[in-house]
Amino acid sequence: MQSDNAFSQQARDAVYQAIFTRRDVRSHFTADPLDDEVLARLLMAAHHAPSVGYMQPWNFIVIRDLERREQVRDLFLSARREELPQIADERKALYRKLKLEGICESALNLVVTCDRERSKESPLGRSHNPQMDLYSTVCAVQNFWLAARAEGIGVGWVSILDRSALKRLLAIPDHVEPIAYLCVGPVSEFAHRPDLERKGWGKRLPISDLIMSETYSGRGEQALKQIADRIMTGNGEHGG
């Protein structure tokens, strides 16, 4: 039964299309600039993310300067060399081939940060879960990402970075945490499937294996699991 508050079918389809076709973009960035009108809309979408206690802990550092981005790419390359020994021997060759960033190829970079002192006087929602400001900032990242997909703009999250080195390079204060380093810009295409899936690094888990009933690992909800599996199969989607 459809709720009276539901969007129209066309609007609902658009929301799910953005979710299912969102990609973590590494390749396919074009040389085209990103219009400030579009960027402003994406930032406004991020700013309307849910935040515990309405703390709104996020800030957005826009990085356009190529020399600064080259310095960040150097940090990435160094971190990647440090990560390689932790990769299983049988996967190292594939790891070396993976395209894991588009720092200099994208129109601009964006750092989403979390100011951990912004709501320090307001314990609402944080007394027992002080990390909720971090989680709230991740919601802003997701809002930005989905809005970007709707605008036809690619986003890639670069996580292979030394956090302390990045903070020094960007003069980020001690009490502020960099949550996401994003490569953002127009792209020539969005891949049908995630790069890591196409390259054989991993595959999407069956949704029915992840649904539990009442307790962790609790059995049940078989009807729900069947419906979820049917939707997953019917969509043929591989969002990632």
Protein backbone atom coordinates (compact mmCIF):
# COMPACT_ATOMS: atom_id res chain seq x y z
CA MET A 1 0.00 0.00 0.00
CA GLN A 2 1.45 3.34 -1.06
CA SER A 3 1.76 6.10 1.51
CA ASP A 4 -0.12 9.33 0.92
CA ASN A 5 3.22 11.09 1.42
CA ALA A 6 5.02 9.13 -1.29
CA PHE A 7 6.58 10.84 -4.31
CA SER A 8 5.10 10.28 -7.72
CA GLN A 9 6.20 7.08 -9.48
CA GLN A 10 8.50 9.07 -11.76
CA ALA A 11 10.16 10.82 -8.82
CA ARG A 12 10.56 7.54 -6.90
CA ASP A 13 12.15 5.91 -9.93
CA ALA A 14 14.61 8.81 -10.18
CA VAL A 15 15.65 8.42 -6.54
CA TYR A 16 16.29 4.70 -6.92
CA GLN A 17 18.06 5.27 -10.24
CA ALA A 18 20.51 7.62 -8.52
CA ILE A 19 21.13 5.06 -5.78
CA PHE A 20 21.57 2.06 -8.06
CA THR A 21 23.71 3.79 -10.71
CA ARG A 22 25.96 5.78 -8.38
CA ARG A 23 29.60 4.89 -8.92
CA ASP A 24 32.87 5.43 -7.10
CA VAL A 25 34.53 7.06 -10.12
CA ARG A 26 38.24 6.64 -10.73
CA SER A 27 38.38 6.88 -14.50
CA HIS A 28 36.28 8.64 -17.15
CA PHE A 29 36.79 12.16 -15.80
CA THR A 30 36.78 14.69 -18.66
CA ALA A 31 38.68 17.96 -19.01
CA ASP A 32 35.44 19.94 -18.63
CA PRO A 33 35.11 22.30 -15.64
CA LEU A 34 32.42 21.90 -13.01
CA ASP A 35 30.00 24.81 -13.08
CA ASP A 36 29.72 26.62 -9.75
CA GLU A 37 25.92 26.57 -9.99
CA VAL A 38 26.03 22.77 -10.05
CA LEU A 39 28.64 22.58 -7.29
CA ALA A 40 26.55 24.88 -5.11
CA ARG A 41 23.52 22.61 -5.55
CA LEU A 42 25.59 19.57 -4.58
CA LEU A 43 26.93 21.31 -1.48
CA MET A 44 23.41 22.37 -0.54
CA ALA A 45 22.31 18.74 -0.82
CA ALA A 46 25.17 17.75 1.48
CA HIS A 47 24.25 20.51 3.92
CA HIS A 48 20.72 19.09 4.16
CA ALA A 49 21.94 15.72 5.42
CA PRO A 50 20.57 14.43 8.72
CA SER A 51 22.74 15.18 11.75
CA VAL A 52 22.30 13.95 15.30
CA GLY A 53 21.29 16.79 17.59
CA TYR A 54 21.14 19.02 14.50
CA MET A 55 24.86 19.60 15.04
CA GLN A 56 25.74 20.05 11.33
CA PRO A 57 29.43 19.31 11.96
CA TRP A 58 30.59 19.44 8.35
CA ASN A 59 32.73 21.84 6.35
CA PHE A 60 33.72 21.63 2.69
CA ILE A 61 37.23 22.45 1.41
CA VAL A 62 37.21 23.04 -2.35
CA ILE A 63 40.60 22.32 -3.93
CA ARG A 64 41.16 23.53 -7.49
CA ASP A 65 44.91 24.28 -7.49
CA LEU A 66 46.73 21.63 -9.53
CA GLU A 67 49.98 21.92 -7.61
CA ARG A 68 48.19 21.27 -4.33
CA ARG A 69 46.39 18.31 -5.87
CA GLU A 70 49.70 16.92 -7.10
CA GLN A 71 50.92 17.08 -3.51
CA VAL A 72 47.86 15.14 -2.39
CA ARG A 73 48.48 12.59 -5.15
CA ASP A 74 52.01 12.15 -3.81
CA LEU A 75 50.47 11.39 -0.41
CA PHE A 76 48.23 8.83 -2.09
CA LEU A 77 51.12 7.13 -3.89
CA SER A 78 53.09 6.93 -0.67
CA ALA A 79 50.11 5.49 1.24
CA ARG A 80 49.48 2.98 -1.53
CA ARG A 81 53.05 1.73 -1.31
CA GLU A 82 52.57 1.30 2.43
CA GLU A 83 49.30 -0.57 1.91
CA LEU A 84 50.66 -3.04 -0.66
CA PRO A 85 52.43 -5.32 1.85
CA GLN A 86 49.10 -5.84 3.62
CA ILE A 87 47.50 -7.22 0.47
CA ALA A 88 47.43 -10.99 0.07
CA ASP A 89 50.20 -12.20 -2.26
CA GLU A 90 47.75 -13.69 -4.75
CA ARG A 91 46.00 -10.31 -5.11
CA LYS A 92 48.99 -7.98 -5.30
CA ALA A 93 49.24 -8.11 -9.09
CA LEU A 94 45.58 -7.13 -9.43
CA TYR A 95 45.96 -4.43 -6.76
CA ARG A 96 48.81 -2.81 -8.73
CA LYS A 97 46.59 -2.61 -11.81
CA LEU A 98 43.62 -0.99 -10.08
CA LYS A 99 42.89 2.67 -10.76
CA LEU A 100 42.19 3.99 -7.26
CA GLU A 101 42.12 7.78 -7.64
CA GLY A 102 41.42 10.63 -10.04
CA ILE A 103 42.96 13.42 -8.00
CA CYS A 104 44.50 15.39 -10.86
CA GLU A 105 42.17 14.23 -13.65
CA SER A 106 38.94 15.48 -12.07
CA ALA A 107 37.67 19.06 -12.32
CA LEU A 108 38.28 19.68 -8.62
CA ASN A 109 38.74 17.97 -5.30
CA LEU A 110 36.57 18.34 -2.23
CA VAL A 111 37.40 17.50 1.37
CA VAL A 112 34.44 16.96 3.69
CA THR A 113 35.49 17.52 7.29
CA CYS A 114 33.92 17.08 10.72
CA ASP A 115 34.36 19.82 13.35
CA ARG A 116 34.26 17.84 16.57
CA GLU A 117 33.90 20.93 18.76
CA ARG A 118 30.98 22.53 16.95
CA SER A 119 28.39 20.97 19.23
CA LYS A 120 30.53 20.16 22.24
CA GLU A 121 28.12 22.08 24.52
CA SER A 122 25.16 20.07 23.28
CA PRO A 123 25.25 16.39 24.29
CA LEU A 124 21.96 15.55 22.52
CA GLY A 125 22.44 12.17 20.89
CA ARG A 126 26.14 12.04 21.78
CA SER A 127 26.24 11.24 25.49
CA HIS A 128 26.45 7.52 24.85
CA ASN A 129 27.56 7.69 21.21
CA PRO A 130 30.15 10.46 20.89
CA GLN A 131 31.05 9.34 17.36
CA MET A 132 27.66 10.43 15.99
CA ASP A 133 29.16 13.65 14.62
CA LEU A 134 31.42 11.52 12.41
CA TYR A 135 28.49 9.41 11.24
CA SER A 136 26.45 12.52 10.53
CA THR A 137 29.21 13.86 8.30
CA VAL A 138 29.22 10.61 6.33
CA CYS A 139 25.52 11.22 5.67
CA ALA A 140 26.50 14.56 4.12
CA VAL A 141 28.97 12.75 1.87
CA GLN A 142 26.24 10.37 0.70
CA ASN A 143 23.83 13.23 0.00
CA PHE A 144 26.51 14.95 -2.07
CA TRP A 145 27.25 11.74 -3.95
CA LEU A 146 23.64 10.95 -4.87
CA ALA A 147 22.94 14.53 -5.92
CA ALA A 148 26.07 14.43 -8.07
CA ARG A 149 24.85 11.29 -9.83
CA ALA A 150 21.53 12.97 -10.54
CA GLU A 151 23.46 15.89 -12.07
CA GLY A 152 25.63 13.55 -14.14
CA ILE A 153 28.73 14.43 -12.12
CA GLY A 154 31.26 11.81 -11.11
CA VAL A 155 32.57 11.40 -7.56
CA GLY A 156 35.44 9.24 -6.33
CA TRP A 157 36.34 8.77 -2.67
CA VAL A 158 40.10 8.53 -2.07
CA SER A 159 40.65 6.71 1.22
CA ILE A 160 44.27 5.65 0.74
CA LEU A 161 45.75 8.73 2.39
CA ASP A 162 47.73 9.38 5.57
CA ARG A 163 45.26 11.40 7.64
CA SER A 164 47.90 13.31 9.60
CA ALA A 165 49.88 14.22 6.48
CA LEU A 166 46.71 15.40 4.76
CA LYS A 167 45.79 17.58 7.74
CA ARG A 168 49.21 19.21 7.68
CA LEU A 169 49.07 19.85 3.94
CA LEU A 170 45.61 21.45 4.13
CA ALA A 171 46.14 23.26 7.46
CA ILE A 172 43.23 21.42 9.07
CA PRO A 173 42.99 22.19 12.83
CA ASP A 174 43.56 19.43 15.37
CA HIS A 175 39.91 19.29 16.43
CA VAL A 176 38.69 18.86 12.83
CA GLU A 177 38.69 15.43 11.17
CA PRO A 178 38.94 14.93 7.40
CA ILE A 179 36.18 12.43 6.64
CA ALA A 180 36.22 12.17 2.83
CA TYR A 181 38.63 13.25 0.12
CA LEU A 182 36.55 13.38 -3.05
CA CYS A 183 37.48 13.73 -6.72
CA VAL A 184 34.61 15.55 -8.42
CA GLY A 185 33.84 16.48 -12.01
CA PRO A 186 32.09 15.75 -15.30
CA VAL A 187 32.66 12.27 -16.70
CA SER A 188 32.35 10.71 -20.13
CA GLU A 189 30.30 7.80 -18.75
CA PHE A 190 29.25 5.91 -15.66
CA ALA A 191 30.27 2.27 -15.65
CA HIS A 192 27.49 -0.30 -15.68
CA ARG A 193 29.13 -2.09 -12.77
CA PRO A 194 31.59 -0.93 -10.08
CA ASP A 195 35.23 -1.00 -11.17
CA LEU A 196 36.25 -3.35 -8.38
CA GLU A 197 33.54 -5.78 -9.42
CA ARG A 198 34.43 -5.57 -13.09
CA LYS A 199 38.12 -6.13 -12.31
CA GLY A 200 37.35 -9.18 -10.16
CA TRP A 201 38.26 -7.69 -6.77
CA GLY A 202 34.88 -8.43 -5.21
CA LYS A 203 31.17 -8.89 -5.85
CA ARG A 204 27.94 -7.71 -4.29
CA LEU A 205 26.69 -9.87 -1.43
CA PRO A 206 23.17 -11.34 -1.65
CA ILE A 207 20.83 -9.06 0.29
CA SER A 208 19.03 -12.02 1.87
CA ASP A 209 22.27 -13.07 3.60
CA LEU A 210 22.39 -9.70 5.36
CA ILE A 211 18.82 -9.52 6.73
CA MET A 212 18.45 -10.80 10.29
CA SER A 213 15.42 -11.25 12.53
CA GLU A 214 15.07 -9.85 16.06
CA THR A 215 18.69 -10.62 17.07
CA TYR A 216 22.05 -10.78 15.30
CA SER A 217 22.00 -13.94 13.16
CA GLY A 218 18.35 -14.42 14.12
CA ARG A 219 16.49 -16.52 11.59
CA GLY A 220 13.20 -15.58 10.06
CA GLU A 221 11.84 -12.91 7.70
CA GLN A 222 11.86 -15.40 4.86
CA ALA A 223 9.14 -13.59 2.92
CA LEU A 224 11.03 -10.32 3.20
CA LYS A 225 14.27 -11.98 2.07
CA GLN A 226 12.59 -13.47 -0.98
CA ILE A 227 11.12 -10.12 -1.97
CA ALA A 228 14.46 -8.39 -1.49
CA ASP A 229 16.27 -10.99 -3.58
CA ARG A 230 13.63 -10.66 -6.30
CA ILE A 231 14.06 -6.88 -6.38
CA MET A 232 17.84 -7.19 -6.51
CA THR A 233 17.67 -9.69 -9.36
CA GLY A 234 15.00 -7.76 -11.21
CA ASN A 235 16.90 -4.48 -11.07
CA GLY A 236 20.07 -6.05 -12.36
CA GLU A 237 21.85 -3.25 -10.52
CA HIS A 238 25.39 -3.21 -9.26
CA GLY A 239 25.64 0.11 -7.43
CA GLY A 240 29.05 0.83 -5.90
